[in-house]
Amino acid sequence: MVKAKYQDVLNLGEKLNIQNGKVEEKEGKLNVWGTAATQYEKNLLWDKIKEIGGENPSDIMADIKVADETVYARHTVKSGETLGKIAKHYYGDPMKYQKIFEANTDKLKNPDLIYPDQELVIPNL
């Protein structure tokens, strides 16, 4: 029953390719474990859990680890994106584009010139 309630969380975990994932329903509580690639992906899972179960859900226990804690996320540039749009997506603030630029100076020479399929590091703030 509780597993069905949180099915969208489990589906998101599959979509994000959560590693070492394990799901167990016991005594009306759902226990989930796994390793997200980045903190951003872990946050996506927690946001989905809270969306379904409220701010402090009592019917789920999640132990989500992060494989790469050196970055907040990794982003593959899509056509039409700018560093400002990417910064707004991850940080909620387009003006933080400079942080993304600074973290990628090995690939980028100008913050106005990014190209589709470039993989950018989204740094922790």
C-alpha atoms as a PDB file:
ATOM      1  CA  MET A   1       0.000   0.000   0.000  1.00  0.00           C
ATOM      2  CA  VAL A   2       2.648   2.564   1.012  1.00  0.00           C
ATOM      3  CA  LYS A   3       4.819   1.450  -1.913  1.00  0.00           C
ATOM      4  CA  ALA A   4       2.035   2.422  -4.314  1.00  0.00           C
ATOM      5  CA  LYS A   5       1.777   5.831  -2.610  1.00  0.00           C
ATOM      6  CA  TYR A   6       5.468   6.512  -3.303  1.00  0.00           C
ATOM      7  CA  GLN A   7       5.598   4.911  -6.763  1.00  0.00           C
ATOM      8  CA  ASP A   8       6.489   8.274  -8.335  1.00  0.00           C
ATOM      9  CA  VAL A   9       9.585   8.419  -6.087  1.00  0.00           C
ATOM     10  CA  LEU A  10      10.603   4.930  -7.183  1.00  0.00           C
ATOM     11  CA  ASN A  11      10.030   5.851 -10.837  1.00  0.00           C
ATOM     12  CA  LEU A  12      12.181   8.964 -10.418  1.00  0.00           C
ATOM     13  CA  GLY A  13      14.905   6.829  -8.831  1.00  0.00           C
ATOM     14  CA  GLU A  14      14.896   4.596 -11.896  1.00  0.00           C
ATOM     15  CA  LYS A  15      14.946   7.595 -14.253  1.00  0.00           C
ATOM     16  CA  LEU A  16      17.924   9.063 -12.350  1.00  0.00           C
ATOM     17  CA  ASN A  17      19.667   5.680 -12.447  1.00  0.00           C
ATOM     18  CA  ILE A  18      20.103   5.515  -8.674  1.00  0.00           C
ATOM     19  CA  GLN A  19      22.816   2.957  -7.947  1.00  0.00           C
ATOM     20  CA  ASN A  20      22.550   0.147  -5.376  1.00  0.00           C
ATOM     21  CA  GLY A  21      18.854   0.864  -5.023  1.00  0.00           C
ATOM     22  CA  LYS A  22      16.857  -1.198  -2.592  1.00  0.00           C
ATOM     23  CA  VAL A  23      13.197  -0.904  -1.620  1.00  0.00           C
ATOM     24  CA  GLU A  24      11.546  -2.711   1.276  1.00  0.00           C
ATOM     25  CA  GLU A  25       8.048  -2.371   2.682  1.00  0.00           C
ATOM     26  CA  LYS A  26       7.800  -3.384   6.322  1.00  0.00           C
ATOM     27  CA  GLU A  27       5.078  -2.764   8.918  1.00  0.00           C
ATOM     28  CA  GLY A  28       3.415  -0.034   6.866  1.00  0.00           C
ATOM     29  CA  LYS A  29       6.639   1.836   6.259  1.00  0.00           C
ATOM     30  CA  LEU A  30       8.637   2.079   3.040  1.00  0.00           C
ATOM     31  CA  ASN A  31      12.414   1.876   3.379  1.00  0.00           C
ATOM     32  CA  VAL A  32      14.523   2.948   0.403  1.00  0.00           C
ATOM     33  CA  TRP A  33      18.275   3.053  -0.066  1.00  0.00           C
ATOM     34  CA  GLY A  34      20.530   4.028  -2.913  1.00  0.00           C
ATOM     35  CA  THR A  35      23.244   6.290  -4.235  1.00  0.00           C
ATOM     36  CA  ALA A  36      22.505   9.343  -6.364  1.00  0.00           C
ATOM     37  CA  ALA A  37      25.176  10.617  -8.747  1.00  0.00           C
ATOM     38  CA  THR A  38      25.068  14.189  -7.344  1.00  0.00           C
ATOM     39  CA  GLN A  39      23.521  16.253  -4.555  1.00  0.00           C
ATOM     40  CA  TYR A  40      21.094  17.759  -7.085  1.00  0.00           C
ATOM     41  CA  GLU A  41      19.680  14.313  -7.877  1.00  0.00           C
ATOM     42  CA  LYS A  42      19.398  13.489  -4.180  1.00  0.00           C
ATOM     43  CA  ASN A  43      17.495  16.765  -3.688  1.00  0.00           C
ATOM     44  CA  LEU A  44      15.130  15.856  -6.539  1.00  0.00           C
ATOM     45  CA  LEU A  45      14.285  12.591  -4.765  1.00  0.00           C
ATOM     46  CA  TRP A  46      13.711  14.320  -1.417  1.00  0.00           C
ATOM     47  CA  ASP A  47      11.548  16.980  -3.075  1.00  0.00           C
ATOM     48  CA  LYS A  48       9.390  14.220  -4.605  1.00  0.00           C
ATOM     49  CA  ILE A  49       9.151  12.419  -1.236  1.00  0.00           C
ATOM     50  CA  LYS A  50       7.993  15.659   0.452  1.00  0.00           C
ATOM     51  CA  GLU A  51       5.573  16.404  -2.379  1.00  0.00           C
ATOM     52  CA  ILE A  52       3.847  13.075  -1.709  1.00  0.00           C
ATOM     53  CA  GLY A  53       4.286  12.610   2.032  1.00  0.00           C
ATOM     54  CA  GLY A  54       4.526  16.139   3.375  1.00  0.00           C
ATOM     55  CA  GLU A  55       7.446  17.945   5.001  1.00  0.00           C
ATOM     56  CA  ASN A  56       8.122  15.196   7.576  1.00  0.00           C
ATOM     57  CA  PRO A  57       6.634  11.960   6.245  1.00  0.00           C
ATOM     58  CA  SER A  58       6.427   9.167   8.823  1.00  0.00           C
ATOM     59  CA  ASP A  59       5.670   6.322   6.404  1.00  0.00           C
ATOM     60  CA  ILE A  60       8.968   6.387   4.498  1.00  0.00           C
ATOM     61  CA  MET A  61      12.614   6.158   5.492  1.00  0.00           C
ATOM     62  CA  ALA A  62      15.105   7.089   2.795  1.00  0.00           C
ATOM     63  CA  ASP A  63      18.861   6.695   3.033  1.00  0.00           C
ATOM     64  CA  ILE A  64      20.192   8.307  -0.139  1.00  0.00           C
ATOM     65  CA  LYS A  65      23.942   8.733  -0.458  1.00  0.00           C
ATOM     66  CA  VAL A  66      25.776  10.884  -3.025  1.00  0.00           C
ATOM     67  CA  ALA A  67      28.468   9.373  -5.260  1.00  0.00           C
ATOM     68  CA  ASP A  68      30.201  12.646  -6.219  1.00  0.00           C
ATOM     69  CA  GLU A  69      30.122  15.279  -3.483  1.00  0.00           C
ATOM     70  CA  THR A  70      32.668  17.508  -5.253  1.00  0.00           C
ATOM     71  CA  VAL A  71      29.945  19.005  -7.488  1.00  0.00           C
ATOM     72  CA  TYR A  72      26.304  19.951  -7.076  1.00  0.00           C
ATOM     73  CA  ALA A  73      25.400  18.551 -10.498  1.00  0.00           C
ATOM     74  CA  ARG A  74      26.658  17.794 -13.977  1.00  0.00           C
ATOM     75  CA  HIS A  75      24.740  19.330 -16.863  1.00  0.00           C
ATOM     76  CA  THR A  76      24.795  18.576 -20.572  1.00  0.00           C
ATOM     77  CA  VAL A  77      24.077  21.762 -22.509  1.00  0.00           C
ATOM     78  CA  LYS A  78      21.017  21.718 -24.760  1.00  0.00           C
ATOM     79  CA  SER A  79      20.436  23.926 -27.787  1.00  0.00           C
ATOM     80  CA  GLY A  80      19.256  27.410 -26.806  1.00  0.00           C
ATOM     81  CA  GLU A  81      20.572  27.305 -23.244  1.00  0.00           C
ATOM     82  CA  THR A  82      22.674  30.027 -21.664  1.00  0.00           C
ATOM     83  CA  LEU A  83      24.681  29.945 -18.453  1.00  0.00           C
ATOM     84  CA  GLY A  84      22.022  32.250 -16.972  1.00  0.00           C
ATOM     85  CA  LYS A  85      19.219  29.788 -17.794  1.00  0.00           C
ATOM     86  CA  ILE A  86      21.270  26.923 -16.382  1.00  0.00           C
ATOM     87  CA  ALA A  87      22.025  28.914 -13.198  1.00  0.00           C
ATOM     88  CA  LYS A  88      18.311  29.711 -12.787  1.00  0.00           C
ATOM     89  CA  HIS A  89      17.461  26.009 -13.140  1.00  0.00           C
ATOM     90  CA  TYR A  90      19.925  24.793 -10.501  1.00  0.00           C
ATOM     91  CA  TYR A  91      20.175  27.772  -8.149  1.00  0.00           C
ATOM     92  CA  GLY A  92      16.986  29.738  -8.807  1.00  0.00           C
ATOM     93  CA  ASP A  93      19.130  32.772  -9.706  1.00  0.00           C
ATOM     94  CA  PRO A  94      20.366  33.485 -13.248  1.00  0.00           C
ATOM     95  CA  MET A  95      23.009  35.883 -11.900  1.00  0.00           C
ATOM     96  CA  LYS A  96      24.906  32.933 -10.426  1.00  0.00           C
ATOM     97  CA  TYR A  97      25.990  32.014 -13.977  1.00  0.00           C
ATOM     98  CA  GLN A  98      29.460  33.336 -13.073  1.00  0.00           C
ATOM     99  CA  LYS A  99      29.917  30.492 -10.546  1.00  0.00           C
ATOM    100  CA  ILE A 100      29.206  27.961 -13.290  1.00  0.00           C
ATOM    101  CA  PHE A 101      31.576  29.750 -15.659  1.00  0.00           C
ATOM    102  CA  GLU A 102      34.375  29.815 -13.047  1.00  0.00           C
ATOM    103  CA  ALA A 103      33.952  26.081 -12.407  1.00  0.00           C
ATOM    104  CA  ASN A 104      34.319  25.332 -16.135  1.00  0.00           C
ATOM    105  CA  THR A 105      37.164  27.576 -17.301  1.00  0.00           C
ATOM    106  CA  ASP A 106      38.948  24.442 -18.512  1.00  0.00           C
ATOM    107  CA  LYS A 107      36.188  24.158 -21.173  1.00  0.00           C
ATOM    108  CA  LEU A 108      34.844  27.688 -21.460  1.00  0.00           C
ATOM    109  CA  LYS A 109      36.744  30.835 -22.414  1.00  0.00           C
ATOM    110  CA  ASN A 110      33.714  33.137 -22.628  1.00  0.00           C
ATOM    111  CA  PRO A 111      30.511  32.860 -20.547  1.00  0.00           C
ATOM    112  CA  ASP A 112      28.470  33.803 -23.610  1.00  0.00           C
ATOM    113  CA  LEU A 113      29.785  30.916 -25.705  1.00  0.00           C
ATOM    114  CA  ILE A 114      28.493  27.500 -24.719  1.00  0.00           C
ATOM    115  CA  TYR A 115      27.554  24.724 -27.114  1.00  0.00           C
ATOM    116  CA  PRO A 116      25.118  21.819 -27.145  1.00  0.00           C
ATOM    117  CA  ASP A 117      26.488  18.558 -25.717  1.00  0.00           C
ATOM    118  CA  GLN A 118      29.153  20.241 -23.570  1.00  0.00           C
ATOM    119  CA  GLU A 119      29.120  18.732 -20.082  1.00  0.00           C
ATOM    120  CA  LEU A 120      29.389  21.420 -17.441  1.00  0.00           C
ATOM    121  CA  VAL A 121      30.107  21.100 -13.754  1.00  0.00           C
ATOM    122  CA  ILE A 122      27.511  22.839 -11.573  1.00  0.00           C
ATOM    123  CA  PRO A 123      29.481  23.704  -8.429  1.00  0.00           C
ATOM    124  CA  ASN A 124      28.312  23.542  -4.844  1.00  0.00           C
ATOM    125  CA  LEU A 125      27.585  27.031  -3.537  1.00  0.00           C
END
